[in-house]
Amino acid sequence: MYRRMSNQDCNCADPSVDESDAQTPATDSWIEARPVKNAEFPTPVADNMSRFFGASIDTFDDMVAAIRTVVEGDGIAIDELCHVDSETPHYAKTASETYYFRCFYDGIALAHLVDDPVEIRTETPTKEPIEIQASPGDDVDVTPSDAVMSFGVTTESDVPADETPAAPDVYGAVCPYVKAFHTREDYERWAADVAATTVGIPLDAGVPIAAALTAAAPSEGVQ
């Protein structure tokens, strides 16, 4: 049985892992192709993710597979999202409950784990609001409609190259670089100042990735 992730496990919003005081060069890129899940990462992003996960990571599909390996092959469950007991700028509402998260993307993942529509509210790194209406499946309505998001992994990981990262390692290295922005230009300005290799995509294009991260593993014998 999975335990609910604690604030200590989820250092997604810790400023100390979000930006580099040393101004470590960051590589930012943009993927427009649909579906983004099987679009190839730019080489610096692929190389850094491959180093961190200890496996060949060339696409979002590869990244999803690596993360699912960390959670023992099954999809991420509700209790494994980065819940916070107090109010945060990143929250999701169902018909019966409000969930507060360390990262807005947990709300999108939640939409694939419940049967009701989910209202998601988040803020950009510069405190601008973004609202997302998510229905079961991949249907979303984003305000503003041209909002974008980022994925990335730190360039300052302390996980030894010969070791497989554990779940808290992944949360600490990846989650701080999963952000929402009003525009691509906003993303690019932010990406220039973080100690990570990152990639930007339209926010609605990131929904199928959440679906893949949360999908239950097929039962044995099911083809």
Protein backbone atom coordinates (compact mmCIF):
# COMPACT_ATOMS: atom_id res chain seq x y z
CA MET A 1 0.00 0.00 0.00
CA TYR A 2 1.28 3.44 -0.90
CA ARG A 3 1.58 6.11 1.75
CA ARG A 4 0.53 9.67 1.12
CA MET A 5 3.50 11.72 -0.05
CA SER A 6 4.57 14.24 2.57
CA ASN A 7 5.97 17.76 2.27
CA GLN A 8 9.41 16.32 3.04
CA ASP A 9 9.14 13.86 0.13
CA CYS A 10 7.90 16.52 -2.30
CA ASN A 11 10.36 19.38 -2.49
CA CYS A 12 8.74 20.50 -5.74
CA ALA A 13 8.43 24.16 -4.79
CA ASP A 14 11.64 24.58 -2.81
CA PRO A 15 13.32 27.73 -4.17
CA SER A 16 16.74 26.24 -3.41
CA VAL A 17 16.23 23.65 -6.12
CA ASP A 18 14.27 25.91 -8.45
CA GLU A 19 16.87 28.46 -9.47
CA SER A 20 20.64 28.46 -9.58
CA ASP A 21 22.53 31.04 -7.58
CA ALA A 22 25.60 30.03 -9.56
CA GLN A 23 23.79 30.74 -12.84
CA THR A 24 24.46 27.26 -14.20
CA PRO A 25 23.73 27.41 -17.93
CA ALA A 26 20.28 26.03 -18.76
CA THR A 27 19.15 24.66 -22.08
CA ASP A 28 15.58 25.55 -23.06
CA SER A 29 13.78 24.15 -26.06
CA TRP A 30 10.34 24.01 -27.55
CA ILE A 31 8.31 21.10 -28.92
CA GLU A 32 5.32 21.96 -31.09
CA ALA A 33 4.74 18.58 -32.77
CA ARG A 34 1.63 16.62 -31.79
CA PRO A 35 1.40 14.25 -30.12
CA VAL A 36 4.30 15.42 -27.96
CA LYS A 37 4.58 12.04 -26.21
CA ASN A 38 6.67 10.54 -28.99
CA ALA A 39 8.39 13.72 -30.17
CA GLU A 40 12.16 13.61 -29.69
CA PHE A 41 13.73 15.70 -26.95
CA PRO A 42 16.49 18.12 -27.92
CA THR A 43 19.87 16.45 -27.39
CA PRO A 44 20.87 18.33 -24.18
CA VAL A 45 17.53 17.47 -22.57
CA ALA A 46 17.75 13.83 -23.66
CA ASP A 47 21.34 13.51 -22.45
CA ASN A 48 20.63 15.01 -19.03
CA MET A 49 17.49 12.93 -18.48
CA SER A 50 19.35 9.78 -19.57
CA ARG A 51 22.12 10.53 -17.11
CA PHE A 52 19.69 11.13 -14.27
CA PHE A 53 17.49 8.07 -14.85
CA GLY A 54 20.34 5.77 -15.89
CA ALA A 55 18.47 4.78 -19.05
CA SER A 56 18.11 6.04 -22.60
CA ILE A 57 15.55 8.87 -22.55
CA ASP A 58 14.79 10.31 -25.99
CA THR A 59 11.06 11.13 -25.76
CA PHE A 60 8.31 11.86 -23.25
CA ASP A 61 7.26 8.22 -23.63
CA ASP A 62 10.74 7.19 -22.44
CA MET A 63 10.51 9.62 -19.52
CA VAL A 64 7.12 8.23 -18.52
CA ALA A 65 8.48 4.67 -18.63
CA ALA A 66 11.44 5.65 -16.44
CA ILE A 67 9.19 7.32 -13.85
CA ARG A 68 6.83 4.34 -13.81
CA THR A 69 9.82 2.09 -13.16
CA VAL A 70 10.58 4.16 -10.07
CA VAL A 71 7.03 3.55 -8.80
CA GLU A 72 7.43 -0.18 -9.44
CA GLY A 73 5.84 -0.25 -12.87
CA ASP A 74 2.36 0.85 -11.84
CA GLY A 75 0.76 4.21 -12.46
CA ILE A 76 1.04 7.08 -10.01
CA ALA A 77 -1.84 6.90 -7.52
CA ILE A 78 -3.70 9.71 -5.74
CA ASP A 79 -1.72 9.13 -2.54
CA GLU A 80 1.55 9.52 -4.48
CA LEU A 81 0.71 13.04 -5.64
CA CYS A 82 2.41 15.89 -3.77
CA HIS A 83 -0.36 16.85 -1.35
CA VAL A 84 -0.06 19.78 1.03
CA ASP A 85 -2.20 20.12 4.16
CA SER A 86 -2.42 23.93 3.97
CA GLU A 87 -3.56 26.19 1.15
CA THR A 88 -1.22 26.67 -1.83
CA PRO A 89 -1.55 28.49 -5.18
CA HIS A 90 -1.87 25.07 -6.85
CA TYR A 91 -5.16 23.36 -6.13
CA ALA A 92 -7.79 21.17 -7.73
CA LYS A 93 -11.49 20.90 -6.93
CA THR A 94 -13.80 17.97 -7.57
CA ALA A 95 -17.50 17.87 -6.75
CA SER A 96 -16.70 16.71 -3.22
CA GLU A 97 -13.16 17.75 -2.29
CA THR A 98 -10.44 20.36 -2.70
CA TYR A 99 -6.84 19.14 -3.04
CA TYR A 100 -3.84 21.40 -2.45
CA PHE A 101 -0.60 20.46 -4.19
CA ARG A 102 3.02 21.52 -4.39
CA CYS A 103 2.81 21.43 -8.22
CA PHE A 104 -0.03 22.30 -10.59
CA TYR A 105 0.58 19.16 -12.67
CA ASP A 106 -0.68 17.02 -9.80
CA GLY A 107 -4.10 18.51 -10.49
CA ILE A 108 -3.95 17.37 -14.11
CA ALA A 109 -2.88 13.92 -12.95
CA LEU A 110 -5.78 13.92 -10.47
CA ALA A 111 -8.22 14.42 -13.35
CA HIS A 112 -7.18 10.97 -14.62
CA LEU A 113 -7.67 9.36 -11.22
CA VAL A 114 -11.22 10.47 -10.39
CA ASP A 115 -14.52 10.13 -12.23
CA ASP A 116 -15.62 13.77 -11.89
CA PRO A 117 -14.58 16.91 -13.75
CA VAL A 118 -11.75 18.76 -12.01
CA GLU A 119 -11.25 22.51 -11.70
CA ILE A 120 -7.55 23.35 -11.44
CA ARG A 121 -6.07 26.68 -10.46
CA THR A 122 -2.39 27.55 -10.48
CA GLU A 123 0.03 30.46 -10.70
CA THR A 124 2.95 31.05 -12.98
CA PRO A 125 6.41 31.70 -11.45
CA THR A 126 5.51 35.41 -11.70
CA LYS A 127 2.16 34.91 -9.85
CA GLU A 128 -0.15 35.16 -12.87
CA PRO A 129 -3.25 32.95 -12.58
CA ILE A 130 -4.03 30.05 -14.89
CA GLU A 131 -7.27 28.06 -14.75
CA ILE A 132 -7.84 24.60 -16.19
CA GLN A 133 -11.12 22.73 -16.53
CA ALA A 134 -10.34 19.02 -16.94
CA SER A 135 -12.86 16.30 -17.72
CA PRO A 136 -12.28 12.55 -17.45
CA GLY A 137 -10.15 11.64 -20.44
CA ASP A 138 -7.93 14.19 -22.17
CA ASP A 139 -10.42 17.06 -22.57
CA VAL A 140 -9.23 20.35 -21.06
CA ASP A 141 -10.20 24.01 -21.28
CA VAL A 142 -7.28 26.29 -20.40
CA THR A 143 -7.45 29.99 -19.54
CA PRO A 144 -5.55 31.70 -21.09
CA SER A 145 -5.94 29.42 -24.09
CA ASP A 146 -2.33 29.81 -25.26
CA ALA A 147 -0.79 28.90 -21.88
CA VAL A 148 2.28 26.67 -21.99
CA MET A 149 4.15 24.42 -19.59
CA SER A 150 7.62 23.06 -19.04
CA PHE A 151 9.25 19.77 -18.16
CA GLY A 152 12.87 19.37 -17.15
CA VAL A 153 15.45 17.83 -14.88
CA THR A 154 18.07 19.50 -12.74
CA THR A 155 21.69 19.72 -13.84
CA GLU A 156 22.74 19.59 -10.17
CA SER A 157 21.49 16.16 -9.08
CA ASP A 158 23.49 14.42 -6.35
CA VAL A 159 22.22 10.94 -7.31
CA PRO A 160 25.30 8.86 -8.26
CA ALA A 161 25.43 7.99 -11.94
CA ASP A 162 25.49 4.26 -11.18
CA GLU A 163 22.37 4.36 -8.97
CA THR A 164 18.70 4.35 -9.95
CA PRO A 165 16.90 7.37 -8.47
CA ALA A 166 14.20 6.73 -5.87
CA ALA A 167 10.80 8.46 -5.95
CA PRO A 168 11.89 11.38 -3.70
CA ASP A 169 14.92 11.90 -5.98
CA VAL A 170 12.63 12.16 -9.01
CA TYR A 171 10.29 14.59 -7.27
CA GLY A 172 13.22 16.76 -6.25
CA ALA A 173 14.96 16.72 -9.63
CA VAL A 174 11.97 16.95 -11.98
CA CYS A 175 9.00 18.58 -10.25
CA PRO A 176 10.59 22.04 -9.67
CA TYR A 177 10.82 22.38 -13.46
CA VAL A 178 7.20 21.44 -14.22
CA LYS A 179 5.69 24.92 -14.40
CA ALA A 180 2.84 26.72 -16.17
CA PHE A 181 3.21 30.03 -18.04
CA HIS A 182 0.98 32.44 -19.93
CA THR A 183 3.15 32.42 -23.05
CA ARG A 184 6.10 30.70 -24.66
CA GLU A 185 8.13 33.87 -24.16
CA ASP A 186 7.44 33.74 -20.41
CA TYR A 187 8.69 30.16 -20.34
CA GLU A 188 11.85 31.05 -22.24
CA ARG A 189 12.70 33.90 -19.85
CA TRP A 190 12.24 31.59 -16.84
CA ALA A 191 14.21 28.73 -18.43
CA ALA A 192 17.24 30.94 -18.98
CA ASP A 193 17.74 31.27 -15.20
CA VAL A 194 17.23 27.74 -13.88
CA ALA A 195 19.80 25.02 -13.24
CA ALA A 196 18.11 22.49 -15.46
CA THR A 197 17.66 21.32 -19.02
CA THR A 198 14.03 22.03 -19.88
CA VAL A 199 11.57 21.74 -22.72
CA GLY A 200 8.41 23.76 -23.31
CA ILE A 201 5.11 22.60 -24.80
CA PRO A 202 1.55 23.94 -25.10
CA LEU A 203 -0.16 23.24 -21.77
CA ASP A 204 -2.98 21.20 -23.29
CA ALA A 205 -0.40 19.00 -25.04
CA GLY A 206 0.87 17.91 -21.62
CA VAL A 207 -2.42 16.27 -20.62
CA PRO A 208 -1.79 12.89 -22.34
CA ILE A 209 1.53 12.66 -20.48
CA ALA A 210 -0.34 12.84 -17.17
CA ALA A 211 -2.69 10.13 -18.45
CA ALA A 212 0.27 7.89 -19.21
CA LEU A 213 1.84 8.52 -15.80
CA THR A 214 -1.34 7.56 -13.95
CA ALA A 215 -2.59 4.67 -16.10
CA ALA A 216 -2.73 1.39 -14.20
CA ALA A 217 -0.39 -1.34 -15.37
CA PRO A 218 -2.15 -4.14 -17.32
CA SER A 219 -3.02 -7.17 -15.24
CA GLU A 220 -1.05 -10.32 -15.89
CA GLY A 221 -2.50 -12.26 -18.78
CA VAL A 222 -4.22 -9.20 -20.28
CA GLN A 223 -3.10 -8.54 -23.82
